[in-house]
């Protein structure tokens, strides 16, 4: 499946960021990826690869396109190997509340972590600006949980309205830490009980990015 889904990125991006934050000393620069040896831990390079793509999916007003891939009826040949041999056209689904709030979370969290590296200061600053734009777009536009009608093949990229609201709540944690703006803090305090771990009393593998954000909040001044 060579199609790409913005809404599927929250758990891997945020859990990798948290893993690095909790044990930075174990993540080295020699995992034998193309960026190895560049002075940045390879886990950060790997996260940046995905963030670079998410930047391409964000429009100038802050909204984020939901999905990119082969048209359902177009004979995409999605199993071509290597993938670089596939020249079928890719198509995009429009910006959506789900993809936009997921990206606000990803960019805000990554901006905090990437700002630790002098070489990534400007990149982190750009992520911060983009996170705020995405947050504002999400709150200014209608919420949609049924945009993906299968025009682009494979996985359904939609996300429930409840899941979107939970994501907004944990995005507020990182935006507050990033900006110090009390409006994000107030939003979190008003909504944290709706998150999956607080509702379900389950702090295991599911929605780990939510559990990690709730625990991170307890470390803030």
N, C-alpha and C. Protein backbone atom coordinates (compact mmCIF):
# COMPACT_ATOMS: atom_id res chain seq x y z
N UNK A 1 0.86 -1.19 0.00
CA UNK A 1 0.00 0.00 0.00
C UNK A 1 0.89 1.24 0.00
N UNK A 2 1.02 1.87 -1.15
CA UNK A 2 1.87 3.04 -1.27
C UNK A 2 1.10 4.34 -1.02
N UNK A 3 -0.18 4.24 -0.69
CA UNK A 3 -0.95 5.44 -0.38
C UNK A 3 -0.56 5.94 1.01
N UNK A 4 -0.84 7.22 1.26
CA UNK A 4 -0.38 7.83 2.52
C UNK A 4 -1.54 8.55 3.19
N UNK A 5 -1.61 8.40 4.50
CA UNK A 5 -2.76 8.82 5.28
C UNK A 5 -2.31 9.71 6.44
N UNK A 6 -2.73 10.95 6.44
CA UNK A 6 -2.32 11.86 7.51
C UNK A 6 -2.83 11.38 8.87
N UNK A 7 -4.05 10.88 8.91
CA UNK A 7 -4.65 10.53 10.19
C UNK A 7 -4.00 9.31 10.85
N UNK A 8 -3.19 8.58 10.11
CA UNK A 8 -2.53 7.41 10.69
C UNK A 8 -1.17 7.76 11.32
N UNK A 9 -0.81 9.03 11.33
CA UNK A 9 0.55 9.41 11.73
C UNK A 9 0.69 9.74 13.21
N UNK A 10 -0.41 9.94 13.92
CA UNK A 10 -0.30 10.46 15.30
C UNK A 10 0.47 9.52 16.22
N UNK A 11 0.12 8.24 16.19
CA UNK A 11 0.76 7.32 17.14
C UNK A 11 2.25 7.13 16.84
N UNK A 12 2.65 6.81 15.61
CA UNK A 12 4.09 6.62 15.39
C UNK A 12 4.91 7.88 15.64
N UNK A 13 4.47 9.03 15.14
CA UNK A 13 5.26 10.24 15.32
C UNK A 13 5.39 10.59 16.79
N UNK A 14 4.28 10.61 17.50
CA UNK A 14 4.32 11.07 18.89
C UNK A 14 4.98 10.07 19.82
N UNK A 15 4.81 8.78 19.56
CA UNK A 15 5.46 7.81 20.43
C UNK A 15 6.98 7.76 20.18
N UNK A 16 7.39 7.97 18.94
CA UNK A 16 8.84 8.06 18.69
C UNK A 16 9.42 9.30 19.35
N UNK A 17 8.71 10.43 19.28
CA UNK A 17 9.17 11.65 19.94
C UNK A 17 9.30 11.43 21.45
N UNK A 18 8.28 10.82 22.04
CA UNK A 18 8.31 10.57 23.48
C UNK A 18 9.43 9.61 23.85
N UNK A 19 9.63 8.59 23.04
CA UNK A 19 10.72 7.65 23.31
C UNK A 19 12.06 8.38 23.35
N UNK A 20 12.27 9.27 22.39
CA UNK A 20 13.53 10.02 22.38
C UNK A 20 13.63 10.93 23.61
N UNK A 21 12.54 11.62 23.94
CA UNK A 21 12.56 12.56 25.06
C UNK A 21 12.87 11.85 26.38
N UNK A 22 12.37 10.65 26.54
CA UNK A 22 12.56 9.94 27.81
C UNK A 22 13.93 9.31 27.95
N UNK A 23 14.53 8.90 26.82
CA UNK A 23 15.84 8.26 26.88
C UNK A 23 16.73 8.73 25.72
N UNK A 24 17.05 10.01 25.65
CA UNK A 24 17.79 10.50 24.48
C UNK A 24 19.16 9.85 24.31
N UNK A 25 19.75 9.40 25.42
CA UNK A 25 21.11 8.87 25.35
C UNK A 25 21.19 7.55 24.61
N UNK A 26 20.09 6.83 24.45
CA UNK A 26 20.18 5.53 23.79
C UNK A 26 19.99 5.62 22.27
N UNK A 27 19.58 6.78 21.77
CA UNK A 27 19.32 6.92 20.34
C UNK A 27 20.52 7.58 19.67
N UNK A 28 21.19 6.81 18.84
CA UNK A 28 22.46 7.22 18.25
C UNK A 28 22.27 7.65 16.80
N UNK A 29 23.39 7.95 16.16
CA UNK A 29 23.39 8.49 14.80
C UNK A 29 23.99 7.48 13.81
N UNK A 30 23.83 6.17 14.10
CA UNK A 30 24.51 5.17 13.29
C UNK A 30 23.62 3.96 13.00
N UNK A 31 22.36 4.22 12.67
CA UNK A 31 21.42 3.13 12.38
C UNK A 31 21.48 2.70 10.91
N UNK A 32 22.41 3.25 10.17
CA UNK A 32 22.60 2.89 8.76
C UNK A 32 21.40 3.29 7.90
N UNK A 33 20.87 4.49 8.16
CA UNK A 33 19.90 5.09 7.25
C UNK A 33 20.63 6.17 6.45
N UNK A 34 20.07 6.70 5.39
CA UNK A 34 20.81 7.67 4.57
C UNK A 34 21.34 8.87 5.36
N UNK A 35 20.64 9.26 6.45
CA UNK A 35 21.06 10.44 7.22
C UNK A 35 22.06 10.12 8.31
N UNK A 36 22.40 8.87 8.51
CA UNK A 36 23.34 8.49 9.58
C UNK A 36 24.64 9.27 9.45
N UNK A 37 25.16 9.70 10.59
CA UNK A 37 26.43 10.42 10.61
C UNK A 37 26.30 11.91 10.40
N UNK A 38 25.07 12.44 10.40
CA UNK A 38 24.88 13.87 10.15
C UNK A 38 24.85 14.70 11.43
N UNK A 39 25.10 14.06 12.57
CA UNK A 39 25.12 14.80 13.82
C UNK A 39 23.78 14.90 14.51
N UNK A 40 22.75 14.32 13.92
CA UNK A 40 21.40 14.31 14.49
C UNK A 40 21.03 12.85 14.75
N UNK A 41 20.47 12.51 15.90
CA UNK A 41 20.07 11.11 16.13
C UNK A 41 19.16 10.61 15.02
N UNK A 42 19.39 9.39 14.61
CA UNK A 42 18.65 8.86 13.47
C UNK A 42 17.14 8.80 13.71
N UNK A 43 16.72 8.64 14.96
CA UNK A 43 15.29 8.62 15.23
C UNK A 43 14.67 9.98 14.89
N UNK A 44 15.41 11.04 15.11
CA UNK A 44 14.93 12.39 14.78
C UNK A 44 14.90 12.56 13.26
N UNK A 45 15.93 12.07 12.57
CA UNK A 45 15.91 12.11 11.10
C UNK A 45 14.71 11.36 10.54
N UNK A 46 14.41 10.22 11.15
CA UNK A 46 13.30 9.40 10.66
C UNK A 46 11.96 10.13 10.86
N UNK A 47 11.79 10.75 12.02
CA UNK A 47 10.58 11.53 12.27
C UNK A 47 10.49 12.70 11.29
N UNK A 48 11.61 13.36 11.05
CA UNK A 48 11.62 14.52 10.14
C UNK A 48 11.20 14.12 8.74
N UNK A 49 11.55 12.92 8.30
CA UNK A 49 11.15 12.45 6.97
C UNK A 49 9.63 12.49 6.82
N UNK A 50 8.93 12.05 7.86
CA UNK A 50 7.46 12.07 7.81
C UNK A 50 6.92 13.49 7.95
N UNK A 51 7.56 14.30 8.78
CA UNK A 51 7.11 15.69 8.94
C UNK A 51 7.27 16.46 7.63
N UNK A 52 8.33 16.18 6.89
CA UNK A 52 8.52 16.85 5.59
C UNK A 52 7.34 16.57 4.67
N UNK A 53 6.84 15.33 4.72
CA UNK A 53 5.66 15.00 3.90
C UNK A 53 4.42 15.72 4.42
N UNK A 54 4.24 15.75 5.73
CA UNK A 54 3.07 16.43 6.29
C UNK A 54 3.07 17.92 5.93
N UNK A 55 4.24 18.52 5.86
CA UNK A 55 4.31 19.92 5.43
C UNK A 55 3.75 20.07 4.02
N UNK A 56 4.05 19.12 3.15
CA UNK A 56 3.54 19.17 1.78
C UNK A 56 2.02 19.05 1.75
N UNK A 57 1.46 18.37 2.73
CA UNK A 57 0.01 18.16 2.77
C UNK A 57 -0.74 19.36 3.37
N UNK A 58 -0.01 20.28 4.00
CA UNK A 58 -0.67 21.43 4.61
C UNK A 58 -0.79 22.57 3.61
N UNK A 59 -1.97 23.15 3.52
CA UNK A 59 -2.22 24.28 2.63
C UNK A 59 -1.89 25.59 3.34
N UNK A 60 -1.87 26.68 2.59
CA UNK A 60 -1.41 27.95 3.13
C UNK A 60 -2.32 28.49 4.24
N UNK A 61 -3.59 28.07 4.25
CA UNK A 61 -4.50 28.55 5.29
C UNK A 61 -4.45 27.71 6.55
N UNK A 62 -3.63 26.66 6.55
CA UNK A 62 -3.48 25.81 7.73
C UNK A 62 -4.15 24.46 7.62
N UNK A 63 -5.16 24.33 6.74
CA UNK A 63 -5.83 23.05 6.55
C UNK A 63 -4.90 22.02 5.95
N UNK A 64 -5.16 20.75 6.25
CA UNK A 64 -4.26 19.67 5.83
C UNK A 64 -5.06 18.65 5.02
N UNK A 65 -4.55 18.33 3.82
CA UNK A 65 -5.20 17.35 2.96
C UNK A 65 -5.24 16.00 3.66
N UNK A 66 -6.32 15.25 3.44
CA UNK A 66 -6.57 14.05 4.22
C UNK A 66 -5.73 12.85 3.78
N UNK A 67 -5.49 12.72 2.48
CA UNK A 67 -4.96 11.45 1.98
C UNK A 67 -4.41 11.66 0.57
N UNK A 68 -3.42 10.88 0.18
CA UNK A 68 -2.90 10.90 -1.18
C UNK A 68 -2.66 9.47 -1.64
N UNK A 69 -3.03 9.18 -2.89
CA UNK A 69 -2.82 7.83 -3.39
C UNK A 69 -3.40 7.60 -4.75
N UNK A 70 -3.58 6.32 -5.09
CA UNK A 70 -4.09 5.92 -6.39
C UNK A 70 -5.61 6.03 -6.43
N UNK A 71 -6.13 6.43 -7.57
CA UNK A 71 -7.58 6.43 -7.74
C UNK A 71 -8.09 4.99 -7.73
N UNK A 72 -9.25 4.79 -7.14
CA UNK A 72 -9.83 3.46 -7.03
C UNK A 72 -9.99 2.80 -8.39
N UNK A 73 -10.37 3.58 -9.41
CA UNK A 73 -10.70 3.00 -10.72
C UNK A 73 -9.55 3.11 -11.72
N UNK A 74 -8.41 3.59 -11.26
CA UNK A 74 -7.38 3.94 -12.23
C UNK A 74 -6.32 2.91 -12.49
N UNK A 75 -6.42 1.71 -11.91
CA UNK A 75 -5.39 0.71 -12.15
C UNK A 75 -4.05 1.15 -11.61
N UNK A 76 -4.00 1.48 -10.33
CA UNK A 76 -2.82 2.10 -9.75
C UNK A 76 -1.58 1.23 -9.75
N UNK A 77 -1.75 -0.07 -9.81
CA UNK A 77 -0.57 -0.94 -9.77
C UNK A 77 0.21 -0.76 -8.49
N UNK A 78 -0.49 -0.79 -7.36
CA UNK A 78 0.13 -0.39 -6.10
C UNK A 78 1.15 -1.39 -5.58
N UNK A 79 1.37 -2.49 -6.31
CA UNK A 79 2.35 -3.47 -5.83
C UNK A 79 3.63 -3.46 -6.66
N UNK A 80 3.84 -2.42 -7.46
CA UNK A 80 5.07 -2.32 -8.24
C UNK A 80 6.27 -2.28 -7.30
N UNK A 81 7.28 -3.03 -7.66
CA UNK A 81 8.50 -3.04 -6.86
C UNK A 81 9.71 -2.84 -7.75
N UNK A 82 10.63 -1.95 -7.38
CA UNK A 82 10.52 -1.04 -6.24
C UNK A 82 9.44 0.02 -6.48
N UNK A 83 8.98 0.69 -5.45
CA UNK A 83 7.91 1.68 -5.61
C UNK A 83 8.25 2.77 -6.62
N UNK A 84 9.52 3.08 -6.76
CA UNK A 84 9.92 4.16 -7.68
C UNK A 84 9.59 3.85 -9.13
N UNK A 85 9.28 2.58 -9.45
CA UNK A 85 8.94 2.24 -10.83
C UNK A 85 7.49 2.55 -11.16
N UNK A 86 6.69 2.89 -10.15
CA UNK A 86 5.27 3.13 -10.39
C UNK A 86 5.05 4.59 -10.76
N UNK A 87 4.48 4.82 -11.94
CA UNK A 87 4.28 6.18 -12.45
C UNK A 87 2.81 6.55 -12.55
N UNK A 88 1.93 5.77 -11.92
CA UNK A 88 0.50 6.11 -11.96
C UNK A 88 0.26 7.43 -11.23
N UNK A 89 -0.73 8.18 -11.68
CA UNK A 89 -1.07 9.45 -11.05
C UNK A 89 -1.54 9.23 -9.61
N UNK A 90 -1.15 10.15 -8.73
CA UNK A 90 -1.67 10.18 -7.37
C UNK A 90 -2.68 11.32 -7.25
N UNK A 91 -3.64 11.11 -6.36
CA UNK A 91 -4.70 12.09 -6.16
C UNK A 91 -4.83 12.40 -4.67
N UNK A 92 -5.39 13.57 -4.38
CA UNK A 92 -5.53 14.03 -3.02
C UNK A 92 -6.99 14.15 -2.63
N UNK A 93 -7.30 13.88 -1.37
CA UNK A 93 -8.58 14.25 -0.80
C UNK A 93 -8.45 15.61 -0.13
N UNK A 94 -9.53 16.37 -0.04
CA UNK A 94 -9.45 17.74 0.47
C UNK A 94 -9.01 17.81 1.93
N UNK A 95 -8.75 19.03 2.37
CA UNK A 95 -8.45 19.27 3.78
C UNK A 95 -9.64 18.89 4.63
N UNK A 96 -9.37 18.39 5.82
CA UNK A 96 -10.42 17.87 6.69
C UNK A 96 -10.05 18.18 8.14
N UNK A 97 -11.05 18.25 8.99
CA UNK A 97 -10.79 18.54 10.40
C UNK A 97 -9.89 17.48 11.04
N UNK A 98 -10.09 16.21 10.68
CA UNK A 98 -9.31 15.14 11.31
C UNK A 98 -7.83 15.25 10.97
N UNK A 99 -7.52 15.37 9.69
CA UNK A 99 -6.11 15.45 9.29
C UNK A 99 -5.46 16.73 9.80
N UNK A 100 -6.24 17.78 9.93
CA UNK A 100 -5.67 19.06 10.35
C UNK A 100 -5.34 19.06 11.83
N UNK A 101 -6.20 18.50 12.68
CA UNK A 101 -5.89 18.51 14.12
C UNK A 101 -4.80 17.48 14.44
N UNK A 102 -4.76 16.38 13.70
CA UNK A 102 -3.64 15.44 13.85
C UNK A 102 -2.32 16.13 13.55
N UNK A 103 -2.30 16.93 12.50
CA UNK A 103 -1.07 17.62 12.11
C UNK A 103 -0.71 18.70 13.11
N UNK A 104 -1.69 19.38 13.67
CA UNK A 104 -1.41 20.35 14.73
C UNK A 104 -0.69 19.68 15.89
N UNK A 105 -1.17 18.50 16.28
CA UNK A 105 -0.52 17.73 17.34
C UNK A 105 0.90 17.36 16.96
N UNK A 106 1.06 16.77 15.79
CA UNK A 106 2.39 16.31 15.35
C UNK A 106 3.39 17.46 15.31
N UNK A 107 2.99 18.58 14.72
CA UNK A 107 3.91 19.70 14.55
C UNK A 107 4.25 20.36 15.89
N UNK A 108 3.26 20.49 16.77
CA UNK A 108 3.53 21.13 18.06
C UNK A 108 4.49 20.29 18.89
N UNK A 109 4.24 18.99 18.96
CA UNK A 109 5.11 18.11 19.74
C UNK A 109 6.52 18.09 19.14
N UNK A 110 6.60 17.95 17.83
CA UNK A 110 7.92 17.88 17.19
C UNK A 110 8.67 19.20 17.34
N UNK A 111 7.97 20.33 17.31
CA UNK A 111 8.65 21.62 17.46
C UNK A 111 9.37 21.70 18.80
N UNK A 112 8.74 21.18 19.84
CA UNK A 112 9.37 21.17 21.16
C UNK A 112 10.65 20.34 21.16
N UNK A 113 10.57 19.16 20.57
CA UNK A 113 11.71 18.24 20.59
C UNK A 113 12.82 18.70 19.65
N UNK A 114 12.45 19.13 18.47
CA UNK A 114 13.46 19.53 17.49
C UNK A 114 14.19 20.81 17.91
N UNK A 115 13.55 21.62 18.75
CA UNK A 115 14.20 22.87 19.17
C UNK A 115 15.43 22.62 20.05
N UNK A 116 15.62 21.38 20.49
CA UNK A 116 16.81 21.03 21.26
C UNK A 116 18.07 21.03 20.42
N UNK A 117 17.92 20.96 19.12
CA UNK A 117 19.06 20.83 18.21
C UNK A 117 19.32 22.15 17.51
N UNK A 118 20.51 22.75 17.70
CA UNK A 118 20.79 24.04 17.07
C UNK A 118 20.55 24.05 15.56
N UNK A 119 20.89 22.95 14.88
CA UNK A 119 20.73 22.90 13.42
C UNK A 119 19.26 22.84 13.00
N UNK A 120 18.37 22.52 13.93
CA UNK A 120 16.96 22.37 13.60
C UNK A 120 16.11 23.50 14.17
N UNK A 121 16.74 24.58 14.62
CA UNK A 121 15.99 25.67 15.23
C UNK A 121 14.98 26.29 14.25
N UNK A 122 15.41 26.58 13.04
CA UNK A 122 14.49 27.20 12.08
C UNK A 122 13.39 26.23 11.66
N UNK A 123 13.74 24.95 11.57
CA UNK A 123 12.75 23.94 11.24
C UNK A 123 11.71 23.86 12.35
N UNK A 124 12.17 23.86 13.60
CA UNK A 124 11.24 23.81 14.73
C UNK A 124 10.35 25.05 14.78
N UNK A 125 10.91 26.20 14.48
CA UNK A 125 10.12 27.43 14.47
C UNK A 125 9.02 27.37 13.41
N UNK A 126 9.35 26.80 12.26
CA UNK A 126 8.36 26.64 11.20
C UNK A 126 7.26 25.67 11.63
N UNK A 127 7.64 24.59 12.30
CA UNK A 127 6.65 23.65 12.81
C UNK A 127 5.70 24.33 13.79
N UNK A 128 6.23 25.16 14.66
CA UNK A 128 5.41 25.89 15.62
C UNK A 128 4.37 26.74 14.90
N UNK A 129 4.80 27.52 13.91
CA UNK A 129 3.87 28.36 13.17
C UNK A 129 2.80 27.53 12.47
N UNK A 130 3.21 26.42 11.90
CA UNK A 130 2.27 25.55 11.19
C UNK A 130 1.28 24.88 12.16
N UNK A 131 1.76 24.53 13.35
CA UNK A 131 0.88 23.92 14.34
C UNK A 131 -0.22 24.89 14.75
N UNK A 132 0.13 26.14 14.96
CA UNK A 132 -0.86 27.15 15.34
C UNK A 132 -1.85 27.37 14.21
N UNK A 133 -1.37 27.42 12.98
CA UNK A 133 -2.26 27.57 11.82
C UNK A 133 -3.25 26.41 11.74
N UNK A 134 -2.75 25.21 11.94
CA UNK A 134 -3.61 24.03 11.87
C UNK A 134 -4.65 24.05 12.99
N UNK A 135 -4.22 24.38 14.19
CA UNK A 135 -5.14 24.49 15.33
C UNK A 135 -6.26 25.48 15.01
N UNK A 136 -5.89 26.65 14.52
CA UNK A 136 -6.89 27.68 14.21
C UNK A 136 -7.84 27.22 13.12
N UNK A 137 -7.31 26.54 12.10
CA UNK A 137 -8.16 26.05 11.00
C UNK A 137 -9.16 25.03 11.53
N UNK A 138 -8.71 24.13 12.37
CA UNK A 138 -9.58 23.10 12.93
C UNK A 138 -10.75 23.73 13.67
N UNK A 139 -10.49 24.74 14.46
CA UNK A 139 -11.55 25.34 15.26
C UNK A 139 -12.43 26.30 14.47
N UNK A 140 -11.97 26.73 13.31
CA UNK A 140 -12.75 27.68 12.51
C UNK A 140 -13.59 27.02 11.43
N UNK A 141 -13.43 25.72 11.22
CA UNK A 141 -14.09 25.04 10.11
C UNK A 141 -14.96 23.89 10.61
N UNK A 142 -15.95 23.48 9.78
CA UNK A 142 -16.83 22.37 10.19
C UNK A 142 -16.04 21.09 10.43
N UNK A 143 -16.51 20.29 11.37
CA UNK A 143 -15.89 19.00 11.66
C UNK A 143 -16.50 17.93 10.75
N UNK A 144 -15.66 17.05 10.22
CA UNK A 144 -16.11 16.04 9.26
C UNK A 144 -15.51 14.70 9.64
N UNK A 145 -16.36 13.68 9.72
CA UNK A 145 -15.85 12.33 10.00
C UNK A 145 -16.20 11.35 8.89
N UNK A 146 -16.56 11.87 7.71
CA UNK A 146 -16.95 10.98 6.60
C UNK A 146 -16.57 11.58 5.26
N UNK A 147 -15.35 12.06 5.17
CA UNK A 147 -14.89 12.66 3.91
C UNK A 147 -14.37 11.62 2.93
N UNK A 148 -13.75 10.57 3.46
CA UNK A 148 -13.13 9.55 2.61
C UNK A 148 -14.21 8.57 2.13
N UNK A 149 -14.58 8.71 0.86
CA UNK A 149 -15.61 7.86 0.26
C UNK A 149 -15.01 6.75 -0.60
N UNK A 150 -13.72 6.55 -0.50
CA UNK A 150 -13.08 5.46 -1.23
C UNK A 150 -12.65 5.82 -2.64
N UNK A 151 -12.69 7.12 -2.99
CA UNK A 151 -12.22 7.50 -4.32
C UNK A 151 -10.74 7.15 -4.50
N UNK A 152 -10.00 7.25 -3.42
CA UNK A 152 -8.61 6.80 -3.38
C UNK A 152 -8.59 5.46 -2.66
N UNK A 153 -7.91 4.49 -3.24
CA UNK A 153 -8.06 3.11 -2.77
C UNK A 153 -7.42 2.87 -1.42
N UNK A 154 -7.69 1.71 -0.88
CA UNK A 154 -7.14 1.17 0.38
C UNK A 154 -7.79 1.84 1.59
N UNK A 155 -7.00 2.07 2.66
CA UNK A 155 -7.57 2.37 3.97
C UNK A 155 -8.46 3.60 4.03
N UNK A 156 -9.49 3.53 4.86
CA UNK A 156 -10.38 4.65 5.13
C UNK A 156 -9.68 5.60 6.09
N UNK A 157 -9.42 6.83 5.66
CA UNK A 157 -8.63 7.78 6.45
C UNK A 157 -9.47 8.61 7.40
N UNK A 158 -10.79 8.38 7.46
CA UNK A 158 -11.63 9.16 8.35
C UNK A 158 -11.34 8.86 9.82
N UNK A 159 -11.73 9.78 10.68
CA UNK A 159 -11.53 9.66 12.12
C UNK A 159 -12.79 10.16 12.81
N UNK A 160 -13.21 9.50 13.86
CA UNK A 160 -14.44 9.87 14.54
C UNK A 160 -14.34 11.28 15.11
N UNK A 161 -15.48 11.92 15.29
CA UNK A 161 -15.49 13.25 15.90
C UNK A 161 -14.96 13.19 17.33
N UNK A 162 -15.26 12.10 18.04
CA UNK A 162 -14.74 11.94 19.40
C UNK A 162 -13.22 11.87 19.38
N UNK A 163 -12.67 11.09 18.44
CA UNK A 163 -11.22 10.98 18.33
C UNK A 163 -10.57 12.31 17.98
N UNK A 164 -11.22 13.08 17.12
CA UNK A 164 -10.70 14.40 16.77
C UNK A 164 -10.68 15.32 17.99
N UNK A 165 -11.74 15.28 18.77
CA UNK A 165 -11.80 16.12 19.96
C UNK A 165 -10.72 15.72 20.97
N UNK A 166 -10.49 14.42 21.12
CA UNK A 166 -9.43 13.95 22.02
C UNK A 166 -8.07 14.43 21.52
N UNK A 167 -7.86 14.37 20.21
CA UNK A 167 -6.59 14.82 19.64
C UNK A 167 -6.39 16.30 19.88
N UNK A 168 -7.45 17.09 19.74
CA UNK A 168 -7.35 18.53 20.01
C UNK A 168 -6.93 18.78 21.44
N UNK A 169 -7.45 17.98 22.36
CA UNK A 169 -7.12 18.16 23.77
C UNK A 169 -5.65 17.92 24.04
N UNK A 170 -5.09 16.87 23.44
CA UNK A 170 -3.67 16.61 23.70
C UNK A 170 -2.77 17.53 22.87
N UNK A 171 -3.26 17.98 21.72
CA UNK A 171 -2.50 18.99 20.96
C UNK A 171 -2.35 20.25 21.81
N UNK A 172 -3.39 20.57 22.59
CA UNK A 172 -3.35 21.75 23.43
C UNK A 172 -2.23 21.68 24.46
N UNK A 173 -1.91 20.47 24.94
CA UNK A 173 -0.81 20.30 25.89
C UNK A 173 0.49 20.81 25.29
N UNK A 174 0.80 20.33 24.09
CA UNK A 174 2.07 20.70 23.47
C UNK A 174 2.07 22.14 23.00
N UNK A 175 0.94 22.64 22.54
CA UNK A 175 0.86 24.04 22.15
C UNK A 175 1.05 24.96 23.35
N UNK A 176 0.51 24.55 24.49
CA UNK A 176 0.72 25.33 25.71
C UNK A 176 2.19 25.32 26.11
N UNK A 177 2.80 24.15 26.09
CA UNK A 177 4.23 24.06 26.43
C UNK A 177 5.09 24.86 25.46
N UNK A 178 4.66 24.88 24.22
CA UNK A 178 5.43 25.53 23.15
C UNK A 178 5.31 27.04 23.19
N UNK A 179 4.11 27.54 23.47
CA UNK A 179 3.85 28.98 23.35
C UNK A 179 3.66 29.69 24.68
N UNK A 180 3.27 28.95 25.73
CA UNK A 180 2.94 29.58 26.99
C UNK A 180 1.60 30.30 26.98
N UNK A 181 0.86 30.18 25.89
CA UNK A 181 -0.42 30.85 25.75
C UNK A 181 -1.47 30.14 26.61
N UNK A 182 -2.07 30.88 27.53
CA UNK A 182 -2.98 30.28 28.50
C UNK A 182 -4.25 29.72 27.86
N UNK A 183 -4.57 30.17 26.64
CA UNK A 183 -5.79 29.65 26.01
C UNK A 183 -5.69 28.15 25.76
N UNK A 184 -4.49 27.68 25.45
CA UNK A 184 -4.30 26.23 25.25
C UNK A 184 -4.41 25.48 26.57
N UNK A 185 -3.87 26.09 27.64
CA UNK A 185 -3.94 25.48 28.96
C UNK A 185 -5.40 25.35 29.41
N UNK A 186 -6.15 26.42 29.21
CA UNK A 186 -7.57 26.40 29.58
C UNK A 186 -8.33 25.34 28.79
N UNK A 187 -8.02 25.24 27.50
CA UNK A 187 -8.68 24.23 26.66
C UNK A 187 -8.40 22.83 27.20
N UNK A 188 -7.16 22.57 27.54
CA UNK A 188 -6.82 21.25 28.07
C UNK A 188 -7.54 20.97 29.37
N UNK A 189 -7.51 21.91 30.30
CA UNK A 189 -8.15 21.70 31.60
C UNK A 189 -9.66 21.48 31.46
N UNK A 190 -10.26 22.11 30.47
CA UNK A 190 -11.70 21.96 30.26
C UNK A 190 -12.08 20.63 29.60
N UNK A 191 -11.09 19.96 28.99
CA UNK A 191 -11.42 18.80 28.16
C UNK A 191 -10.65 17.53 28.46
N UNK A 192 -9.69 17.55 29.38
CA UNK A 192 -8.82 16.39 29.54
C UNK A 192 -9.57 15.13 29.95
N UNK A 193 -10.71 15.28 30.63
CA UNK A 193 -11.43 14.08 31.07
C UNK A 193 -12.08 13.32 29.92
N UNK A 194 -12.12 13.93 28.73
CA UNK A 194 -12.72 13.25 27.57
C UNK A 194 -11.71 12.39 26.83
N UNK A 195 -10.43 12.44 27.20
CA UNK A 195 -9.42 11.66 26.49
C UNK A 195 -9.62 10.17 26.76
N UNK A 196 -9.10 9.36 25.86
CA UNK A 196 -9.31 7.91 25.96
C UNK A 196 -8.82 7.33 27.29
N UNK A 197 -7.60 7.63 27.74
CA UNK A 197 -7.16 7.02 29.00
C UNK A 197 -8.02 7.43 30.20
N UNK A 198 -8.50 8.68 30.21
CA UNK A 198 -9.30 9.15 31.34
C UNK A 198 -10.72 8.59 31.29
N UNK A 199 -11.24 8.41 30.08
CA UNK A 199 -12.60 7.86 29.92
C UNK A 199 -12.64 6.36 30.18
N UNK A 200 -11.63 5.66 29.67
CA UNK A 200 -11.66 4.21 29.65
C UNK A 200 -10.83 3.58 30.76
N UNK A 201 -10.06 4.41 31.45
CA UNK A 201 -9.17 3.92 32.50
C UNK A 201 -8.20 2.87 31.97
N UNK A 202 -7.76 3.06 30.73
CA UNK A 202 -6.82 2.11 30.12
C UNK A 202 -5.60 2.89 29.64
N UNK A 203 -4.44 2.53 30.12
CA UNK A 203 -3.20 3.24 29.81
C UNK A 203 -2.23 2.33 29.08
N UNK A 204 -2.77 1.46 28.23
CA UNK A 204 -1.94 0.51 27.52
C UNK A 204 -1.56 0.99 26.14
N UNK A 205 -1.52 0.07 25.19
CA UNK A 205 -0.95 0.36 23.88
C UNK A 205 -1.84 1.22 22.99
N UNK A 206 -3.15 1.23 23.26
CA UNK A 206 -4.06 1.94 22.37
C UNK A 206 -4.05 3.44 22.69
N UNK A 207 -3.95 4.24 21.64
CA UNK A 207 -3.91 5.71 21.80
C UNK A 207 -2.81 6.11 22.77
N UNK A 208 -1.65 5.49 22.58
CA UNK A 208 -0.52 5.79 23.45
C UNK A 208 -0.12 7.24 23.41
N UNK A 209 -0.34 7.90 22.26
CA UNK A 209 0.02 9.32 22.17
C UNK A 209 -0.82 10.16 23.13
N UNK A 210 -2.05 9.71 23.43
CA UNK A 210 -2.87 10.45 24.39
C UNK A 210 -2.35 10.24 25.82
N UNK A 211 -2.03 9.01 26.15
CA UNK A 211 -1.49 8.73 27.49
C UNK A 211 -0.17 9.48 27.71
N UNK A 212 0.69 9.46 26.70
CA UNK A 212 1.97 10.15 26.82
C UNK A 212 1.77 11.64 27.05
N UNK A 213 0.83 12.24 26.33
CA UNK A 213 0.59 13.68 26.47
C UNK A 213 0.04 14.03 27.84
N UNK A 214 -0.86 13.19 28.36
CA UNK A 214 -1.40 13.43 29.70
C UNK A 214 -0.29 13.38 30.76
N UNK A 215 0.59 12.39 30.62
CA UNK A 215 1.69 12.30 31.57
C UNK A 215 2.68 13.46 31.40
N UNK A 216 2.91 13.87 30.15
CA UNK A 216 3.80 15.01 29.91
C UNK A 216 3.25 16.27 30.58
N UNK A 217 1.95 16.44 30.54
CA UNK A 217 1.35 17.63 31.16
C UNK A 217 1.73 17.73 32.64
N UNK A 218 1.81 16.60 33.32
CA UNK A 218 2.11 16.63 34.75
C UNK A 218 3.52 17.12 35.04
N UNK A 219 4.39 17.18 34.03
CA UNK A 219 5.76 17.64 34.21
C UNK A 219 5.91 19.13 33.97
N UNK A 220 4.87 19.79 33.47
CA UNK A 220 4.96 21.20 33.13
C UNK A 220 4.85 22.07 34.39
N UNK A 221 5.55 23.19 34.44
CA UNK A 221 5.49 24.06 35.62
C UNK A 221 4.07 24.50 35.96
